[in-house]
Protein backbone atom coordinates (compact mmCIF):
# COMPACT_ATOMS: atom_id res chain seq x y z
CA UNK A 1 -20.18 11.35 4.96
CA UNK A 2 -16.53 11.95 5.93
CA UNK A 3 -14.07 9.10 6.17
CA UNK A 4 -13.72 9.56 9.92
CA UNK A 5 -17.45 8.85 10.35
CA UNK A 6 -17.47 5.78 8.14
CA UNK A 7 -16.84 2.34 9.62
CA UNK A 8 -14.07 0.47 7.84
CA UNK A 9 -14.45 -3.21 7.04
CA UNK A 10 -10.82 -3.71 6.13
CA UNK A 11 -7.32 -2.92 7.32
CA UNK A 12 -4.59 -3.81 4.84
CA UNK A 13 -1.59 -2.90 7.02
CA UNK A 14 -1.09 -4.88 10.25
CA UNK A 15 1.79 -6.65 11.99
CA UNK A 16 2.16 -9.64 14.32
CA UNK A 17 4.83 -11.21 16.51
CA UNK A 18 6.30 -12.71 13.34
CA UNK A 19 8.08 -9.35 13.08
CA UNK A 20 7.65 -6.44 15.49
CA UNK A 21 3.95 -6.60 16.39
CA UNK A 22 2.74 -7.17 19.94
CA UNK A 23 0.04 -9.77 19.20
CA UNK A 24 0.35 -13.30 17.86
CA UNK A 25 -1.45 -13.84 14.53
CA UNK A 26 -4.40 -15.70 16.09
CA UNK A 27 -4.90 -12.97 18.68
CA UNK A 28 -4.74 -10.31 15.98
CA UNK A 29 -7.58 -12.10 14.17
CA UNK A 30 -9.65 -12.11 17.36
CA UNK A 31 -9.08 -8.38 17.74
CA UNK A 32 -9.91 -7.82 14.08
CA UNK A 33 -13.22 -9.61 14.57
CA UNK A 34 -13.97 -7.48 17.63
CA UNK A 35 -13.24 -4.37 15.54
CA UNK A 36 -15.75 -5.49 12.89
CA UNK A 37 -13.18 -6.12 10.16
CA UNK A 38 -13.94 -8.46 7.29
CA UNK A 39 -10.61 -8.32 5.46
CA UNK A 40 -7.14 -7.84 6.93
CA UNK A 41 -3.70 -7.57 5.40
CA UNK A 42 -0.93 -9.20 7.44
CA UNK A 43 2.35 -7.65 6.27
CA UNK A 44 5.12 -8.45 8.73
CA UNK A 45 8.56 -7.00 8.12
CA UNK A 46 10.68 -9.35 5.99
CA UNK A 47 8.60 -12.31 7.17
CA UNK A 48 5.59 -14.39 6.18
CA UNK A 49 5.93 -16.72 9.18
CA UNK A 50 2.68 -15.51 10.76
CA UNK A 51 0.46 -16.07 7.73
CA UNK A 52 -0.45 -19.73 8.23
CA UNK A 53 -1.62 -19.11 11.81
CA UNK A 54 -3.48 -15.95 10.80
CA UNK A 55 -5.30 -17.65 7.92
CA UNK A 56 -6.30 -20.63 10.09
CA UNK A 57 -7.56 -18.39 12.92
CA UNK A 58 -9.42 -16.06 10.54
CA UNK A 59 -11.68 -18.86 9.32
CA UNK A 60 -13.62 -19.03 12.57
CA UNK A 61 -14.32 -15.29 12.38
CA UNK A 62 -15.28 -15.18 8.69
CA UNK A 63 -12.35 -12.84 8.01
CA UNK A 64 -10.35 -12.89 4.78
CA UNK A 65 -6.59 -12.59 5.22
CA UNK A 66 -4.67 -10.81 2.49
CA UNK A 67 -1.25 -12.48 2.62
CA UNK A 68 1.61 -10.06 2.40
CA UNK A 69 4.97 -8.78 3.56
CA UNK A 70 6.63 -5.43 4.19
CA UNK A 71 10.18 -5.00 2.92
CA UNK A 72 12.34 -2.34 4.58
CA UNK A 73 14.74 -0.55 2.24
CA UNK A 74 17.07 2.44 2.26
CA UNK A 75 16.92 5.31 -0.20
CA UNK A 76 20.25 5.71 -2.00
CA UNK A 77 21.53 9.27 -2.23
CA UNK A 78 18.92 10.83 0.02
CA UNK A 79 19.00 9.01 3.35
CA UNK A 80 15.85 7.77 5.02
CA UNK A 81 13.85 4.61 4.54
CA UNK A 82 11.37 3.39 1.97
CA UNK A 83 9.03 0.52 2.83
CA UNK A 84 7.49 -1.57 0.09
CA UNK A 85 4.43 -3.73 0.77
CA UNK A 86 3.86 -6.92 -1.18
CA UNK A 87 0.28 -8.25 -1.33
CA UNK A 88 -0.90 -11.69 -2.45
CA UNK A 89 2.69 -12.92 -2.69
CA UNK A 90 3.13 -16.61 -3.45
CA UNK A 91 5.00 -16.76 -0.19
CA UNK A 92 5.73 -20.49 -0.19
CA UNK A 93 8.11 -20.16 -3.14
CA UNK A 94 11.51 -21.45 -1.93
CA UNK A 95 13.52 -18.68 -3.61
CA UNK A 96 11.29 -16.02 -2.05
CA UNK A 97 11.64 -17.56 1.41
CA UNK A 98 15.39 -17.80 0.97
CA UNK A 99 15.52 -14.07 0.23
CA UNK A 100 13.43 -13.27 3.31
CA UNK A 101 15.71 -15.51 5.39
CA UNK A 102 18.68 -13.46 4.18
CA UNK A 103 16.98 -10.20 5.17
CA UNK A 104 16.00 -11.53 8.60
CA UNK A 105 19.47 -12.95 9.21
CA UNK A 106 20.97 -9.55 8.45
CA UNK A 107 18.50 -7.95 10.87
CA UNK A 108 19.33 -10.53 13.55
CA UNK A 109 23.07 -9.99 13.16
CA UNK A 110 22.51 -6.27 13.43
CA UNK A 111 20.56 -6.62 16.68
CA UNK A 112 23.25 -8.83 18.17
CA UNK A 113 25.97 -6.38 17.19
CA UNK A 114 23.99 -3.52 18.75
CA UNK A 115 23.86 -5.36 22.05
CA UNK A 116 27.58 -6.08 21.83
CA UNK A 117 28.35 -2.40 21.30
CA UNK A 118 26.14 -1.34 24.21
CA UNK A 119 27.74 -3.90 26.54
CA UNK A 120 31.23 -2.76 25.50
CA UNK A 121 30.26 0.73 26.70
CA UNK A 122 28.98 -0.46 30.07
CA UNK A 123 25.24 -0.83 29.45
CA UNK A 124 23.80 -3.90 31.15
CA UNK A 125 21.63 -5.41 28.40
CA UNK A 126 21.81 -8.99 27.16
CA UNK A 127 21.14 -10.59 23.80
CA UNK A 128 19.20 -13.37 25.52
CA UNK A 129 16.78 -10.82 26.99
CA UNK A 130 16.36 -9.04 23.67
CA UNK A 131 15.43 -12.36 22.06
CA UNK A 132 12.89 -13.04 24.84
CA UNK A 133 11.30 -9.62 24.36
CA UNK A 134 11.08 -10.10 20.59
CA UNK A 135 8.99 -13.33 20.61
CA UNK A 136 10.15 -13.69 17.01
CA UNK A 137 12.19 -11.59 14.58
CA UNK A 138 14.48 -9.13 16.35
CA UNK A 139 14.47 -5.44 15.49
CA UNK A 140 15.63 -2.18 17.00
CA UNK A 141 12.39 -1.82 19.02
CA UNK A 142 13.32 -4.97 20.95
CA UNK A 143 16.78 -3.63 21.81
CA UNK A 144 15.00 -0.44 22.87
CA UNK A 145 12.66 -2.48 25.09
CA UNK A 146 15.65 -4.05 26.84
CA UNK A 147 17.14 -0.60 27.44
CA UNK A 148 13.84 0.64 28.87
CA UNK A 149 13.58 -2.40 31.12
CA UNK A 150 17.02 -1.65 32.58
CA UNK A 151 16.10 1.99 33.18
CA UNK A 152 18.35 3.52 30.53
CA UNK A 153 15.45 5.05 28.59
CA UNK A 154 11.89 6.10 29.35
CA UNK A 155 10.25 4.95 26.10
CA UNK A 156 11.06 3.67 22.61
CA UNK A 157 11.63 7.13 21.15
CA UNK A 158 13.94 8.01 24.03
CA UNK A 159 15.92 4.78 23.51
CA UNK A 160 16.29 5.48 19.79
CA UNK A 161 17.35 9.08 20.40
CA UNK A 162 19.93 8.19 23.07
CA UNK A 163 21.29 4.84 21.87
CA UNK A 164 20.02 3.43 18.58
CA UNK A 165 20.14 6.22 15.97
CA UNK A 166 23.10 7.12 13.74
CA UNK A 167 25.95 8.52 15.82
CA UNK A 168 24.64 7.01 19.06
CA UNK A 169 26.52 4.37 21.10
CA UNK A 170 24.46 1.34 20.07
CA UNK A 171 23.84 2.14 16.41
CA UNK A 172 24.90 -0.37 13.78
CA UNK A 173 24.23 0.22 10.06
CA UNK A 174 21.93 -2.31 8.49
CA UNK A 175 22.02 -4.27 5.27
CA UNK A 176 21.11 -1.80 2.57
CA UNK A 177 18.43 -2.93 0.12
CA UNK A 178 17.28 -0.51 -2.57
CA UNK A 179 13.52 0.15 -2.99
CA UNK A 180 13.66 -1.05 -6.60
CA UNK A 181 15.07 -4.38 -5.43
CA UNK A 182 12.17 -4.78 -3.00
CA UNK A 183 9.74 -4.27 -5.88
CA UNK A 184 11.61 -6.87 -7.94
CA UNK A 185 11.64 -9.33 -5.03
CA UNK A 186 7.86 -9.04 -4.58
CA UNK A 187 7.28 -9.42 -8.32
CA UNK A 188 9.42 -12.59 -8.27
CA UNK A 189 6.70 -14.07 -6.03
CA UNK A 190 3.97 -12.68 -8.33
CA UNK A 191 2.82 -10.29 -5.61
CA UNK A 192 1.50 -6.75 -5.95
CA UNK A 193 4.17 -4.21 -4.87
CA UNK A 194 2.81 -1.13 -3.10
CA UNK A 195 4.71 1.92 -1.83
CA UNK A 196 3.95 2.19 1.90
CA UNK A 197 3.23 5.44 3.82
CA UNK A 198 4.76 7.59 1.05
CA UNK A 199 4.47 11.05 2.61
CA UNK A 200 7.79 12.21 3.97
CA UNK A 201 9.93 10.10 1.64
CA UNK A 202 12.63 12.40 0.18
CA UNK A 203 12.04 13.16 -3.50
CA UNK A 204 9.01 10.87 -3.43
CA UNK A 205 7.12 12.56 -6.25
CA UNK A 206 10.06 13.71 -8.39
CA UNK A 207 12.22 10.58 -8.27
CA UNK A 208 11.15 7.66 -6.07
CA UNK A 209 7.62 7.07 -7.30
CA UNK A 210 8.28 7.34 -11.06
CA UNK A 211 11.42 5.18 -10.76
CA UNK A 212 9.57 2.47 -8.86
CA UNK A 213 6.71 2.52 -11.37
CA UNK A 214 9.26 1.79 -14.10
CA UNK A 215 10.48 -1.35 -12.31
CA UNK A 216 6.96 -2.63 -11.59
CA UNK A 217 5.30 -0.80 -8.67
CA UNK A 218 1.53 -1.40 -8.84
CA UNK A 219 0.04 0.33 -5.80
CA UNK A 220 0.27 3.36 -3.51
CA UNK A 221 -0.77 3.46 0.15
CA UNK A 222 -3.11 6.45 0.12
CA UNK A 223 -5.31 5.80 3.18
CA UNK A 224 -2.72 5.58 5.95
CA UNK A 225 -2.82 6.08 9.70
CA UNK A 226 -3.28 9.73 10.54
CA UNK A 227 -3.12 11.10 6.98
CA UNK A 228 -5.53 14.01 6.56
CA UNK A 229 -8.28 14.07 3.96
CA UNK A 230 -6.21 16.51 1.88
CA UNK A 231 -3.25 14.11 2.08
CA UNK A 232 -5.44 11.27 0.90
CA UNK A 233 -6.86 13.31 -1.97
CA UNK A 234 -3.37 14.26 -3.13
CA UNK A 235 -2.15 10.66 -2.97
CA UNK A 236 -5.22 9.41 -4.81
CA UNK A 237 -4.42 11.89 -7.60
CA UNK A 238 -0.88 10.51 -7.76
CA UNK A 239 -2.19 6.96 -7.85
CA UNK A 240 -4.51 7.87 -10.69
CA UNK A 241 -1.70 9.58 -12.59
CA UNK A 242 0.48 6.47 -12.46
CA UNK A 243 -2.43 4.01 -12.71
CA UNK A 244 -1.66 2.54 -9.29
CA UNK A 245 -4.11 0.74 -7.01
CA UNK A 246 -4.75 2.80 -3.86
CA UNK A 247 -4.46 0.83 -0.61
CA UNK A 248 -4.40 1.69 3.06
CA UNK A 249 -4.51 0.69 6.68
CA UNK A 250 -3.57 1.47 10.24
CA UNK A 251 0.00 0.07 10.37
CA UNK A 252 -1.17 -1.62 13.55
CA UNK A 253 1.53 -3.14 15.75
CA UNK A 254 -0.34 -3.02 19.06
CA UNK A 255 -1.15 -0.40 21.71
CA UNK A 256 1.42 2.36 22.06
CA UNK A 257 3.25 1.62 18.81
CA UNK A 258 1.24 3.76 16.36
CA UNK A 259 -1.57 6.22 17.08
CA UNK A 260 -4.15 4.58 14.78
CA UNK A 261 -6.09 1.66 16.30
CA UNK A 262 -6.77 -1.56 14.43
CA UNK A 263 -9.33 -0.77 11.73
CA UNK A 264 -9.15 2.92 12.66
CA UNK A 265 -8.21 4.14 9.19
CA UNK A 266 -11.09 4.10 6.74
CA UNK A 267 -10.24 2.27 3.50
CA UNK A 268 -12.90 1.77 0.80
CA UNK A 269 -13.65 -1.87 0.04
CA UNK A 270 -13.15 -1.04 -3.64
CA UNK A 271 -9.40 -0.76 -2.91
CA UNK A 272 -9.25 -4.36 -1.70
CA UNK A 273 -11.30 -5.55 -4.66
CA UNK A 274 -9.01 -3.82 -7.15
CA UNK A 275 -5.98 -5.21 -5.36
CA UNK A 276 -7.36 -8.73 -5.56
CA UNK A 277 -8.12 -8.41 -9.27
CA UNK A 278 -4.60 -7.19 -9.94
CA UNK A 279 -3.18 -10.10 -7.93
CA UNK A 280 -5.25 -12.54 -9.99
CA UNK A 281 -3.72 -11.07 -13.14
CA UNK A 282 -0.18 -11.27 -11.69
CA UNK A 283 -0.67 -14.93 -10.81
CA UNK A 284 -1.46 -15.76 -14.44
CA UNK A 285 1.84 -14.51 -15.87
CA UNK A 286 5.35 -15.96 -15.49
CA UNK A 287 7.23 -14.81 -12.40
CA UNK A 288 10.46 -12.95 -13.18
CA UNK A 289 13.59 -14.23 -11.49
CA UNK A 290 15.45 -12.08 -8.98
CA UNK A 291 18.65 -12.54 -7.01
CA UNK A 292 18.96 -10.59 -3.78
CA UNK A 293 22.18 -8.53 -3.50
CA UNK A 294 24.71 -10.00 -1.09
CA UNK A 295 24.27 -8.87 2.55
CA UNK A 296 28.04 -8.40 2.62
CA UNK A 297 27.24 -4.98 1.21
CA UNK A 298 26.24 -3.70 4.68
CA UNK A 299 27.23 -0.07 5.00
CA UNK A 300 25.76 3.33 5.57
CA UNK A 301 25.30 6.05 8.15
């Protein structure tokens, strides 16, 4: 039976209003139950603030929440982004939360500076409205939503293309965090670091993946969104080569954000079981210390 014909019981890549998702954590759990999911990974960008609500809501639906986070990083020397997922992080660790606070603060400052730049050039958008649209952590999609609301763009892609990409009037470079530092940050909370949606990352196979394995990467997102069966097979071979746990999910943010619906990407339950076993091992060994680079290093294209 092909993957597309097999019902998935888990989705290890979802987002809530704690970052840039549309649904609050409790509502996401209700939707997960309606989709027939039994296990769900909540991996908000640079935030674990939705996990307590998600875990509490999941109990009434007999759903297991895999606590996690998604760290956005930039790829030095190549351009582009690399996202690193962290599963089963001990997210209540004060040092870990302080690091996430730093990342979110940098993101918030960036959003505010974007609005300032747009207003200086005559575009009628306000920071107060962007904050209202965000319902939580602010990101570029929320600035885009404000632009759409004022009629300056037709959709998110249009807003990014016209205003929020490098060289455009509202673009502001963000705090640059290297992928290896994201792996180290997740390991400092005894989580399992996983390279997210790897296809399309420049030099992924020749440089990025082997370098991240050296610093402690433990998983590879093989079953992702719209990846074809040949894509999945190739990524599974890579995971096997580097002895990485394969993971996967929809990257669900809500309707209209990504093409794959909640639970719409088949992921074998064996992946979740292997991930949990690896997390159990990580939690039995001392956590390495890690200091986040100063956000004063903001620069870039």
